[in-house]
């Protein structure tokens, strides 16, 4: 079965991310596996700046927003 393509995003330059795939089926008792090279693309944002509100507040703002509807 063909799956949708994915890309790994990194804050550092990288060509690809090497991983492994595994497949099983319900009608056989074996397992198939092999190497998988996932393309990587450098993310042109500062991850610390993007994640700082979550890291500093610990997600408190999201919980407050959820509680507002109740």
C-alpha atoms as a PDB file:
ATOM      1  CA  UNK A   1       0.000   0.000   0.000  1.00  0.00           C
ATOM      2  CA  UNK A   2       1.394   3.393  -0.933  1.00  0.00           C
ATOM      3  CA  UNK A   3       1.444   5.946   1.887  1.00  0.00           C
ATOM      4  CA  UNK A   4       1.488   9.732   1.745  1.00  0.00           C
ATOM      5  CA  UNK A   5       5.008  11.175   1.566  1.00  0.00           C
ATOM      6  CA  UNK A   6       6.436  12.757   4.718  1.00  0.00           C
ATOM      7  CA  UNK A   7       9.292  15.170   5.322  1.00  0.00           C
ATOM      8  CA  UNK A   8      11.333  15.548   8.499  1.00  0.00           C
ATOM      9  CA  UNK A   9      11.957  19.186   9.424  1.00  0.00           C
ATOM     10  CA  UNK A  10      15.139  20.177  11.238  1.00  0.00           C
ATOM     11  CA  UNK A  11      16.648  23.346  12.629  1.00  0.00           C
ATOM     12  CA  UNK A  12      19.972  22.164  11.176  1.00  0.00           C
ATOM     13  CA  UNK A  13      20.923  21.368   7.603  1.00  0.00           C
ATOM     14  CA  UNK A  14      20.294  17.722   6.704  1.00  0.00           C
ATOM     15  CA  UNK A  15      19.725  15.782   3.502  1.00  0.00           C
ATOM     16  CA  UNK A  16      17.783  12.854   4.916  1.00  0.00           C
ATOM     17  CA  UNK A  17      16.854  10.933   8.035  1.00  0.00           C
ATOM     18  CA  UNK A  18      17.645   7.222   7.903  1.00  0.00           C
ATOM     19  CA  UNK A  19      15.117   4.995   9.626  1.00  0.00           C
ATOM     20  CA  UNK A  20      13.649   1.532   9.204  1.00  0.00           C
ATOM     21  CA  UNK A  21      10.246   0.240   8.111  1.00  0.00           C
ATOM     22  CA  UNK A  22       8.505  -2.939   9.222  1.00  0.00           C
ATOM     23  CA  UNK A  23       5.408  -4.647   7.880  1.00  0.00           C
ATOM     24  CA  UNK A  24       3.285  -7.540   9.069  1.00  0.00           C
ATOM     25  CA  UNK A  25       0.070  -9.077   7.821  1.00  0.00           C
ATOM     26  CA  UNK A  26      -2.772 -10.971   9.432  1.00  0.00           C
ATOM     27  CA  UNK A  27      -2.639 -13.811   6.905  1.00  0.00           C
ATOM     28  CA  UNK A  28       1.085 -14.723   7.314  1.00  0.00           C
ATOM     29  CA  UNK A  29       3.334 -15.219  10.316  1.00  0.00           C
ATOM     30  CA  UNK A  30       6.411 -13.430   8.987  1.00  0.00           C
ATOM     31  CA  UNK A  31       7.627  -9.860   9.257  1.00  0.00           C
ATOM     32  CA  UNK A  32       9.357  -7.830   6.523  1.00  0.00           C
ATOM     33  CA  UNK A  33      11.620  -4.882   7.225  1.00  0.00           C
ATOM     34  CA  UNK A  34      14.113  -2.670   5.455  1.00  0.00           C
ATOM     35  CA  UNK A  35      15.910   0.690   5.520  1.00  0.00           C
ATOM     36  CA  UNK A  36      13.962   3.878   4.852  1.00  0.00           C
ATOM     37  CA  UNK A  37      15.463   7.215   3.874  1.00  0.00           C
ATOM     38  CA  UNK A  38      13.139  10.130   4.703  1.00  0.00           C
ATOM     39  CA  UNK A  39      13.936  13.483   3.052  1.00  0.00           C
ATOM     40  CA  UNK A  40      14.833  16.249   5.484  1.00  0.00           C
ATOM     41  CA  UNK A  41      14.303  19.948   5.006  1.00  0.00           C
ATOM     42  CA  UNK A  42      15.771  22.764   7.083  1.00  0.00           C
ATOM     43  CA  UNK A  43      13.043  24.692   8.862  1.00  0.00           C
ATOM     44  CA  UNK A  44      13.591  28.414   8.419  1.00  0.00           C
ATOM     45  CA  UNK A  45      12.211  29.393  11.850  1.00  0.00           C
ATOM     46  CA  UNK A  46      13.770  29.565  15.283  1.00  0.00           C
ATOM     47  CA  UNK A  47      12.211  26.625  17.147  1.00  0.00           C
ATOM     48  CA  UNK A  48      13.034  28.152  20.536  1.00  0.00           C
ATOM     49  CA  UNK A  49      11.060  31.291  19.657  1.00  0.00           C
ATOM     50  CA  UNK A  50       8.130  29.243  18.367  1.00  0.00           C
ATOM     51  CA  UNK A  51       8.039  26.948  21.398  1.00  0.00           C
ATOM     52  CA  UNK A  52       8.906  29.519  24.076  1.00  0.00           C
ATOM     53  CA  UNK A  53       5.244  30.303  24.989  1.00  0.00           C
ATOM     54  CA  UNK A  54       4.550  26.606  25.509  1.00  0.00           C
ATOM     55  CA  UNK A  55       7.774  26.014  27.429  1.00  0.00           C
ATOM     56  CA  UNK A  56       7.387  29.078  29.669  1.00  0.00           C
ATOM     57  CA  UNK A  57       3.665  28.722  30.395  1.00  0.00           C
ATOM     58  CA  UNK A  58       3.619  24.943  30.384  1.00  0.00           C
ATOM     59  CA  UNK A  59       0.502  25.017  28.211  1.00  0.00           C
ATOM     60  CA  UNK A  60      -1.470  27.023  30.828  1.00  0.00           C
ATOM     61  CA  UNK A  61      -2.935  29.336  28.168  1.00  0.00           C
ATOM     62  CA  UNK A  62      -4.482  26.410  26.274  1.00  0.00           C
ATOM     63  CA  UNK A  63      -6.069  25.088  29.480  1.00  0.00           C
ATOM     64  CA  UNK A  64      -7.473  28.540  30.289  1.00  0.00           C
ATOM     65  CA  UNK A  65      -8.967  28.790  26.783  1.00  0.00           C
ATOM     66  CA  UNK A  66     -10.621  25.380  27.175  1.00  0.00           C
ATOM     67  CA  UNK A  67     -12.040  26.345  30.560  1.00  0.00           C
ATOM     68  CA  UNK A  68     -13.595  29.514  29.155  1.00  0.00           C
ATOM     69  CA  UNK A  69     -16.312  27.598  27.298  1.00  0.00           C
ATOM     70  CA  UNK A  70     -17.525  25.802  30.455  1.00  0.00           C
END
